[in-house]
């Protein structure tokens, strides 16, 4: 299954896209926590491809305010 993340520019675009996808039965909204989880998965995928060190990864998360030491 493929997915898309759409960020509308304004509220009228949001309403249009929301109503269109809902009418086509393609609408599945994600919670903020689910979006963060997707971001974490993306970081892990990048780490696997680039062999990022644990220290660099931890520093990256600290810069994003996600990890406290």
N, C-alpha and C. Protein backbone atom coordinates (compact mmCIF):
# COMPACT_ATOMS: atom_id res chain seq x y z
N UNK A 1 0.84 -1.17 0.00
CA UNK A 1 0.00 0.00 0.00
C UNK A 1 0.89 1.24 0.00
N UNK A 2 0.52 2.24 -0.77
CA UNK A 2 1.22 3.50 -0.80
C UNK A 2 0.40 4.54 -0.07
N UNK A 3 1.08 5.56 0.43
CA UNK A 3 0.40 6.62 1.18
C UNK A 3 0.92 7.97 0.72
N UNK A 4 0.14 8.99 1.02
CA UNK A 4 0.53 10.36 0.69
C UNK A 4 0.30 11.23 1.91
N UNK A 5 1.17 12.21 2.08
CA UNK A 5 0.97 13.22 3.10
C UNK A 5 0.71 14.52 2.35
N UNK A 6 -0.42 15.13 2.62
CA UNK A 6 -0.81 16.35 1.93
C UNK A 6 -0.91 17.46 2.96
N UNK A 7 -0.23 18.57 2.70
CA UNK A 7 -0.29 19.72 3.59
C UNK A 7 -0.92 20.88 2.83
N UNK A 8 -2.20 21.13 3.06
CA UNK A 8 -2.89 22.22 2.36
C UNK A 8 -2.31 23.58 2.75
N UNK A 9 -2.41 24.53 1.83
CA UNK A 9 -1.87 25.87 2.06
C UNK A 9 -2.79 26.73 2.92
N UNK A 10 -4.07 26.41 2.91
CA UNK A 10 -5.02 27.21 3.69
C UNK A 10 -6.25 26.36 4.02
N UNK A 11 -7.16 26.94 4.80
CA UNK A 11 -8.31 26.17 5.27
C UNK A 11 -9.27 25.78 4.14
N UNK A 12 -9.38 26.62 3.13
CA UNK A 12 -10.28 26.25 2.03
C UNK A 12 -9.71 25.08 1.22
N UNK A 13 -8.38 25.06 1.02
CA UNK A 13 -7.75 23.91 0.36
C UNK A 13 -7.93 22.65 1.19
N UNK A 14 -7.78 22.80 2.53
CA UNK A 14 -7.95 21.65 3.42
C UNK A 14 -9.36 21.08 3.27
N UNK A 15 -10.35 21.95 3.31
CA UNK A 15 -11.74 21.50 3.21
C UNK A 15 -11.99 20.80 1.87
N UNK A 16 -11.47 21.38 0.79
CA UNK A 16 -11.65 20.78 -0.54
C UNK A 16 -11.04 19.39 -0.60
N UNK A 17 -9.77 19.28 -0.17
CA UNK A 17 -9.08 17.99 -0.23
C UNK A 17 -9.75 16.98 0.71
N UNK A 18 -10.09 17.42 1.90
CA UNK A 18 -10.75 16.55 2.88
C UNK A 18 -12.06 16.00 2.31
N UNK A 19 -12.91 16.89 1.78
CA UNK A 19 -14.20 16.47 1.25
C UNK A 19 -14.04 15.55 0.04
N UNK A 20 -13.06 15.86 -0.83
CA UNK A 20 -12.82 15.02 -2.00
C UNK A 20 -12.40 13.61 -1.59
N UNK A 21 -11.40 13.53 -0.73
CA UNK A 21 -10.91 12.21 -0.32
C UNK A 21 -11.97 11.44 0.46
N UNK A 22 -12.74 12.14 1.25
CA UNK A 22 -13.81 11.47 2.00
C UNK A 22 -14.86 10.91 1.04
N UNK A 23 -15.23 11.69 0.03
CA UNK A 23 -16.24 11.21 -0.93
C UNK A 23 -15.74 10.02 -1.75
N UNK A 24 -14.42 9.97 -1.97
CA UNK A 24 -13.83 8.85 -2.70
C UNK A 24 -13.50 7.67 -1.78
N UNK A 25 -13.79 7.82 -0.50
CA UNK A 25 -13.52 6.81 0.52
C UNK A 25 -12.03 6.49 0.63
N UNK A 26 -11.19 7.52 0.47
CA UNK A 26 -9.74 7.37 0.62
C UNK A 26 -9.23 8.07 1.87
N UNK A 27 -10.08 8.68 2.62
CA UNK A 27 -9.65 9.52 3.73
C UNK A 27 -9.32 8.69 4.97
N UNK A 28 -8.11 8.89 5.47
CA UNK A 28 -7.71 8.32 6.75
C UNK A 28 -6.82 9.37 7.41
N UNK A 29 -7.35 10.04 8.41
CA UNK A 29 -6.59 11.07 9.12
C UNK A 29 -5.70 10.43 10.16
N UNK A 30 -4.51 10.98 10.35
CA UNK A 30 -3.58 10.48 11.35
C UNK A 30 -3.51 11.44 12.52
N UNK A 31 -3.29 10.87 13.70
CA UNK A 31 -3.11 11.71 14.88
C UNK A 31 -1.69 12.29 14.85
N UNK A 32 -1.45 13.26 15.71
CA UNK A 32 -0.11 13.85 15.80
C UNK A 32 0.91 12.78 16.20
N UNK A 33 0.51 11.89 17.10
CA UNK A 33 1.40 10.82 17.53
C UNK A 33 1.74 9.88 16.38
N UNK A 34 0.76 9.56 15.55
CA UNK A 34 1.01 8.69 14.40
C UNK A 34 1.96 9.36 13.41
N UNK A 35 1.81 10.66 13.21
CA UNK A 35 2.73 11.40 12.33
C UNK A 35 4.15 11.38 12.88
N UNK A 36 4.30 11.55 14.20
CA UNK A 36 5.62 11.48 14.82
C UNK A 36 6.22 10.09 14.65
N UNK A 37 5.40 9.06 14.79
CA UNK A 37 5.87 7.69 14.59
C UNK A 37 6.39 7.49 13.17
N UNK A 38 5.68 8.05 12.20
CA UNK A 38 6.13 7.95 10.80
C UNK A 38 7.46 8.66 10.62
N UNK A 39 7.62 9.80 11.26
CA UNK A 39 8.89 10.52 11.20
C UNK A 39 10.02 9.70 11.80
N UNK A 40 9.75 9.03 12.91
CA UNK A 40 10.76 8.17 13.54
C UNK A 40 11.15 7.02 12.61
N UNK A 41 10.17 6.40 11.98
CA UNK A 41 10.44 5.32 11.04
C UNK A 41 11.33 5.82 9.91
N UNK A 42 11.05 7.03 9.42
CA UNK A 42 11.86 7.61 8.34
C UNK A 42 13.30 7.81 8.80
N UNK A 43 13.49 8.29 10.04
CA UNK A 43 14.85 8.46 10.57
C UNK A 43 15.57 7.12 10.62
N UNK A 44 14.88 6.09 11.08
CA UNK A 44 15.49 4.76 11.17
C UNK A 44 15.86 4.25 9.78
N UNK A 45 15.00 4.46 8.80
CA UNK A 45 15.30 4.04 7.43
C UNK A 45 16.54 4.75 6.91
N UNK A 46 16.64 6.04 7.17
CA UNK A 46 17.81 6.81 6.73
C UNK A 46 19.06 6.29 7.43
N UNK A 47 18.95 5.99 8.73
CA UNK A 47 20.09 5.46 9.47
C UNK A 47 20.56 4.15 8.87
N UNK A 48 19.62 3.28 8.53
CA UNK A 48 19.99 2.00 7.95
C UNK A 48 20.73 2.17 6.64
N UNK A 49 20.34 3.17 5.87
CA UNK A 49 20.97 3.39 4.56
C UNK A 49 22.33 4.08 4.67
N UNK A 50 22.49 4.95 5.67
CA UNK A 50 23.72 5.74 5.77
C UNK A 50 24.65 5.27 6.86
N UNK A 51 24.21 4.29 7.65
CA UNK A 51 25.02 3.76 8.75
C UNK A 51 25.44 4.89 9.69
N UNK A 52 24.47 5.70 10.08
CA UNK A 52 24.70 6.81 10.99
C UNK A 52 25.08 6.26 12.36
N UNK A 53 26.06 6.88 12.98
CA UNK A 53 26.48 6.42 14.31
C UNK A 53 25.41 6.73 15.35
N UNK A 54 25.42 5.96 16.43
CA UNK A 54 24.45 6.17 17.50
C UNK A 54 24.59 7.58 18.09
N UNK A 55 25.81 8.06 18.23
CA UNK A 55 26.04 9.40 18.78
C UNK A 55 25.44 10.47 17.88
N UNK A 56 25.62 10.34 16.58
CA UNK A 56 25.08 11.32 15.64
C UNK A 56 23.56 11.28 15.65
N UNK A 57 23.00 10.09 15.71
CA UNK A 57 21.55 9.93 15.76
C UNK A 57 20.99 10.58 17.02
N UNK A 58 21.61 10.30 18.16
CA UNK A 58 21.17 10.87 19.43
C UNK A 58 21.26 12.40 19.40
N UNK A 59 22.33 12.91 18.83
CA UNK A 59 22.50 14.36 18.72
C UNK A 59 21.40 14.94 17.86
N UNK A 60 21.05 14.28 16.77
CA UNK A 60 20.00 14.74 15.88
C UNK A 60 18.67 14.81 16.61
N UNK A 61 18.36 13.79 17.40
CA UNK A 61 17.11 13.80 18.16
C UNK A 61 17.11 14.89 19.21
N UNK A 62 18.25 15.11 19.86
CA UNK A 62 18.35 16.15 20.87
C UNK A 62 18.10 17.52 20.24
N UNK A 63 18.60 17.72 19.03
CA UNK A 63 18.39 19.01 18.35
C UNK A 63 16.92 19.24 18.02
N UNK A 64 16.18 18.16 17.87
CA UNK A 64 14.76 18.27 17.57
C UNK A 64 13.94 18.37 18.86
N UNK A 65 14.60 18.28 20.01
CA UNK A 65 13.90 18.38 21.28
C UNK A 65 13.12 17.13 21.65
N UNK A 66 13.51 15.99 21.13
CA UNK A 66 12.76 14.77 21.36
C UNK A 66 13.39 13.89 22.45
N UNK A 67 14.69 14.06 22.72
CA UNK A 67 15.37 13.21 23.68
C UNK A 67 16.07 14.08 24.69
N UNK A 68 15.93 13.74 25.95
CA UNK A 68 16.68 14.46 26.98
C UNK A 68 17.63 13.50 27.65
N UNK A 69 18.83 13.97 27.91
CA UNK A 69 19.83 13.10 28.54
C UNK A 69 20.03 13.49 29.97
